[in-house]
Structures are given as structure tokens and as C-alpha cells.
Amino acid sequence: SSDVCSSDLDDRAYEALVEHVLDGNQRAFESLLSRHEPRVLRVLRLLGVPSDDREDVAQEVFVRVFRFLGGFKPGNPFAGWVYRISVNAVHDYRGRVGRRRRDEAEWTPGLEELAADDSRPERRDFEMDLKRQLELALDVLSERESAVYVLRQLECLSTREVARSLGITGVTVRRHLGRARRSLQRTLGAVEKKDRGG
């Protein structure tokens, strides 16, 4: 089964790819794109970018990746650097269009892979329903809380990596994560109570 938290390349391999891109190798950049596009799209979705705009915002992310690639510091996690650009792009997007509620029912392949296989449809439906509830619940979080929760809990970055990605301290990451968890527990608890007719 696919592990959302697994990485297909280590950071040294990414650094080598970055060097090739900076040397003008177009195929190396295409390789970087193909490896990160699913993750970027998943983060954009979880941070509330509607499906109609997601490809455009992802394209903006990769334009920025290309433009600022020379500023990437070897020794730092490449994925964390891309996540930071993604979060900044979402912030800019919200500034342009205002925050819109998510009400789509479709799921990206990356999220569908988290569900159980087709041999247990009732479990798959249950897990997909939990993901829908979680995604709707993310809407109650502040922009920073949502970014911290998505990167730490759903993208499995370490506290240090989240702090680097967002330009904040580890203490701030833990504080926002604690708030996000409490908000999500309250929101999901209320949804569960409502579903039970309570």
C-alpha cells in the first residue's frame, strides 16, 4: 500500500537534481515537477484551494520553485522548501479571491490511496467519510493552524521541518498544532454527535 509519508528520494538526490536544473537541464526540472506535483496538489486541496483553481495555484508554485531555485540551500529538506512555497502561494491566493468554503466531494488519487482496498467496501466508505469530515473540519482552523496541521500530521514533516517551512519556531509549531487538534476534536465531535442524532 502507498504511504503518504514516504519519500521517493533522499535530500542528496534532490540536491543533485537541483544542480542539474540550475545547469539548464530541462528534464531534471520535469523530474522535480513529477515527483512533487501530487504532494503540492494534495496540500493545496487540504489548505482549501477549490478544484477549479488548484491547477493554477500549483502552476504558480512551480513557477516560484523554478524562479527561486538558486536560493535553495543544500542541506535543508527540499520537500520542506517546496511546502513553504506552497503555503505562501495559498496565502497569496486567499488574498486575491477571499476564503471560500470547500464543498467538493471528489478526492485526489493521493487521498484515495489512503482508503482501504475494494475488498472491504464498508471500511473504505467509512474511511473516506472520515476524510471528508476531517477536510471540512480543517475549515474551522486559522490559516497558520491549518498549515501546521496539514504539514505536521498529514504530510508527516517533523516539527523542525514544519518550523523551517513556515518560518516559525518549533514552540510556535507545537502551540498551533495543539490548538488545531483541540479545534478539530471539538468540530469532529460535534459532527459525530449530529450524525448520531444527538
Protein backbone atom coordinates (compact mmCIF):
# COMPACT_ATOMS: atom_id res chain seq x y z
CA SER A 1 0.00 0.00 0.00
CA SER A 2 1.10 3.58 -0.58
CA ASP A 3 2.49 5.51 2.35
CA VAL A 4 1.71 9.21 2.18
CA CYS A 5 4.68 9.92 4.45
CA SER A 6 7.29 8.06 2.44
CA SER A 7 9.80 9.94 0.30
CA ASP A 8 10.92 8.57 -3.05
CA LEU A 9 14.29 10.35 -2.99
CA ASP A 10 16.60 11.43 -0.20
CA ASP A 11 17.69 15.05 0.08
CA ARG A 12 21.09 14.41 -1.53
CA ALA A 13 19.35 13.10 -4.63
CA TYR A 14 17.14 16.20 -4.73
CA GLU A 15 20.19 18.41 -4.37
CA ALA A 16 21.74 16.67 -7.38
CA LEU A 17 18.55 17.24 -9.39
CA VAL A 18 18.55 20.91 -8.38
CA GLU A 19 22.15 21.23 -9.59
CA HIS A 20 21.14 19.75 -12.95
CA VAL A 21 18.21 22.18 -13.24
CA LEU A 22 20.48 25.13 -12.45
CA ASP A 23 22.81 23.87 -15.19
CA GLY A 24 19.92 24.19 -17.64
CA ASN A 25 18.72 20.58 -17.72
CA GLN A 26 15.00 20.77 -18.59
CA ARG A 27 14.42 17.05 -17.96
CA ALA A 28 15.73 17.41 -14.43
CA PHE A 29 13.14 20.11 -13.74
CA GLU A 30 10.40 17.90 -15.24
CA SER A 31 11.56 15.16 -12.87
CA LEU A 32 11.28 17.53 -9.90
CA LEU A 33 7.80 18.54 -11.06
CA SER A 34 6.54 15.00 -11.49
CA ARG A 35 7.83 13.96 -8.05
CA HIS A 36 6.29 16.90 -6.21
CA GLU A 37 3.11 17.70 -8.14
CA PRO A 38 0.90 15.12 -6.34
CA ARG A 39 2.08 16.35 -2.92
CA VAL A 40 1.63 20.00 -3.84
CA LEU A 41 -1.88 19.36 -5.17
CA ARG A 42 -2.79 17.44 -2.01
CA VAL A 43 -1.53 20.26 0.22
CA LEU A 44 -3.39 22.86 -1.85
CA ARG A 45 -6.57 20.82 -1.53
CA LEU A 46 -6.19 20.37 2.22
CA LEU A 47 -5.47 24.08 2.63
CA GLY A 48 -8.75 24.90 0.93
CA VAL A 49 -7.92 25.74 -2.69
CA PRO A 50 -11.03 24.76 -4.72
CA SER A 51 -10.57 22.23 -7.52
CA ASP A 52 -11.26 24.87 -10.21
CA ASP A 53 -8.24 26.89 -9.08
CA ARG A 54 -5.91 24.14 -7.83
CA GLU A 55 -4.01 23.55 -11.08
CA ASP A 56 -3.41 27.30 -11.49
CA VAL A 57 -2.10 27.68 -7.94
CA ALA A 58 0.08 24.57 -8.38
CA GLN A 59 1.49 26.08 -11.57
CA GLU A 60 2.25 29.26 -9.62
CA VAL A 61 4.05 27.14 -7.00
CA PHE A 62 6.28 25.54 -9.63
CA VAL A 63 6.97 28.86 -11.36
CA ARG A 64 8.20 30.11 -7.97
CA VAL A 65 10.20 26.90 -7.41
CA PHE A 66 11.96 27.46 -10.74
CA ARG A 67 12.45 31.19 -10.16
CA PHE A 68 13.89 30.80 -6.66
CA LEU A 69 15.72 27.51 -7.14
CA GLY A 70 19.06 29.27 -6.96
CA GLY A 71 18.17 30.33 -3.42
CA PHE A 72 17.58 26.78 -2.20
CA LYS A 73 20.19 25.97 0.44
CA PRO A 74 21.66 22.46 0.18
CA GLY A 75 21.42 20.61 3.48
CA ASN A 76 17.80 21.69 4.01
CA PRO A 77 14.95 19.31 3.13
CA PHE A 78 13.86 20.06 -0.44
CA ALA A 79 10.28 18.94 0.25
CA GLY A 80 10.05 21.39 3.16
CA TRP A 81 11.21 24.20 0.89
CA VAL A 82 8.52 23.32 -1.68
CA TYR A 83 5.89 23.12 1.08
CA ARG A 84 6.83 26.62 2.23
CA ILE A 85 6.39 27.96 -1.30
CA SER A 86 3.04 26.12 -1.50
CA VAL A 87 1.78 27.61 1.77
CA ASN A 88 2.86 31.09 0.65
CA ALA A 89 1.08 30.59 -2.69
CA VAL A 90 -2.12 29.60 -0.86
CA HIS A 91 -1.81 32.70 1.34
CA ASP A 92 -1.47 34.89 -1.76
CA TYR A 93 -4.35 33.08 -3.45
CA ARG A 94 -6.63 33.73 -0.47
CA GLY A 95 -5.64 37.36 -0.54
CA ARG A 96 -6.74 37.56 -4.17
CA VAL A 97 -10.03 35.71 -4.03
CA GLY A 98 -11.00 35.60 -0.36
CA ARG A 99 -11.54 32.41 1.57
CA ARG A 100 -14.09 30.07 0.04
CA ARG A 101 -15.61 27.04 1.70
CA ARG A 102 -14.77 23.62 0.34
CA ASP A 103 -17.79 21.60 -0.70
CA GLU A 104 -16.47 19.26 -3.39
CA ALA A 105 -16.87 15.54 -2.97
CA GLU A 106 -14.13 14.34 -5.29
CA TRP A 107 -10.82 13.07 -3.97
CA THR A 108 -7.30 13.28 -5.33
CA PRO A 109 -5.52 9.97 -6.02
CA GLY A 110 -3.15 10.70 -3.14
CA LEU A 111 -6.03 10.72 -0.68
CA GLU A 112 -7.80 7.79 -2.29
CA GLU A 113 -4.71 5.67 -1.74
CA LEU A 114 -5.20 6.14 1.99
CA ALA A 115 -8.52 4.31 1.86
CA ALA A 116 -8.89 0.56 2.32
CA ASP A 117 -8.90 -1.60 -0.79
CA ASP A 118 -12.05 -2.54 -2.70
CA SER A 119 -12.35 -5.92 -0.97
CA ARG A 120 -13.72 -4.15 2.13
CA PRO A 121 -16.17 -1.57 0.73
CA GLU A 122 -17.81 -0.78 4.07
CA ARG A 123 -14.41 0.04 5.61
CA ARG A 124 -13.41 2.07 2.55
CA ASP A 125 -16.65 4.09 2.75
CA PHE A 126 -16.12 4.66 6.48
CA GLU A 127 -12.53 5.87 5.96
CA MET A 128 -13.49 8.13 3.06
CA ASP A 129 -16.28 9.61 5.21
CA LEU A 130 -13.73 10.32 7.95
CA LYS A 131 -11.52 12.09 5.42
CA ARG A 132 -14.44 14.24 4.25
CA GLN A 133 -15.25 15.16 7.83
CA LEU A 134 -11.61 15.99 8.56
CA GLU A 135 -11.31 18.13 5.46
CA LEU A 136 -14.46 20.09 6.33
CA ALA A 137 -13.23 20.43 9.91
CA LEU A 138 -9.96 21.97 8.68
CA ASP A 139 -12.07 24.93 7.58
CA VAL A 140 -12.53 26.00 11.22
CA LEU A 141 -8.79 26.48 11.73
CA SER A 142 -6.87 29.68 11.22
CA GLU A 143 -4.61 29.83 8.17
CA ARG A 144 -1.50 29.17 10.28
CA GLU A 145 -3.12 26.37 12.32
CA SER A 146 -4.29 24.70 9.12
CA ALA A 147 -0.82 24.91 7.56
CA VAL A 148 0.84 23.49 10.68
CA TYR A 149 -1.69 20.66 10.99
CA VAL A 150 -1.51 19.67 7.33
CA LEU A 151 2.30 19.68 7.19
CA ARG A 152 2.86 18.01 10.59
CA GLN A 153 0.00 15.49 10.79
CA LEU A 154 -0.94 14.77 7.18
CA GLU A 155 2.36 15.33 5.33
CA CYS A 156 4.38 13.89 8.26
CA LEU A 157 7.05 16.57 8.42
CA SER A 158 8.94 16.82 11.71
CA THR A 159 8.30 19.78 14.00
CA ARG A 160 11.66 21.21 12.91
CA GLU A 161 10.80 20.80 9.22
CA VAL A 162 7.41 22.48 9.70
CA ALA A 163 9.09 25.34 11.56
CA ARG A 164 11.58 25.80 8.70
CA SER A 165 8.87 25.51 6.06
CA LEU A 166 6.71 28.19 7.69
CA GLY A 167 9.49 30.41 9.05
CA ILE A 168 8.37 30.00 12.68
CA THR A 169 9.85 28.40 15.81
CA GLY A 170 9.30 24.82 16.97
CA VAL A 171 7.50 26.14 20.05
CA THR A 172 5.08 28.04 17.79
CA VAL A 173 4.53 24.90 15.70
CA ARG A 174 3.62 22.91 18.81
CA ARG A 175 1.31 25.67 20.07
CA HIS A 176 -0.56 25.91 16.75
CA LEU A 177 -0.70 22.12 16.48
CA GLY A 178 -2.22 21.85 19.96
CA ARG A 179 -4.85 24.47 19.11
CA ALA A 180 -5.61 22.79 15.79
CA ARG A 181 -6.06 19.37 17.43
CA ARG A 182 -8.42 20.79 20.06
CA SER A 183 -10.47 22.64 17.43
CA LEU A 184 -10.68 19.56 15.22
CA GLN A 185 -11.67 17.34 18.16
CA ARG A 186 -14.49 19.77 19.06
CA THR A 187 -15.64 20.10 15.44
CA LEU A 188 -15.46 16.38 14.63
CA GLY A 189 -17.09 15.54 17.96
CA ALA A 190 -19.99 17.86 17.11
CA VAL A 191 -20.32 16.28 13.65
CA GLU A 192 -20.28 12.78 15.16
CA LYS A 193 -22.91 13.76 17.75
CA LYS A 194 -25.09 15.27 15.00
CA ASP A 195 -24.73 12.12 12.87
CA ARG A 196 -25.91 10.02 15.81
CA GLY A 197 -28.90 12.30 16.22
CA GLY A 198 -27.61 13.74 19.49
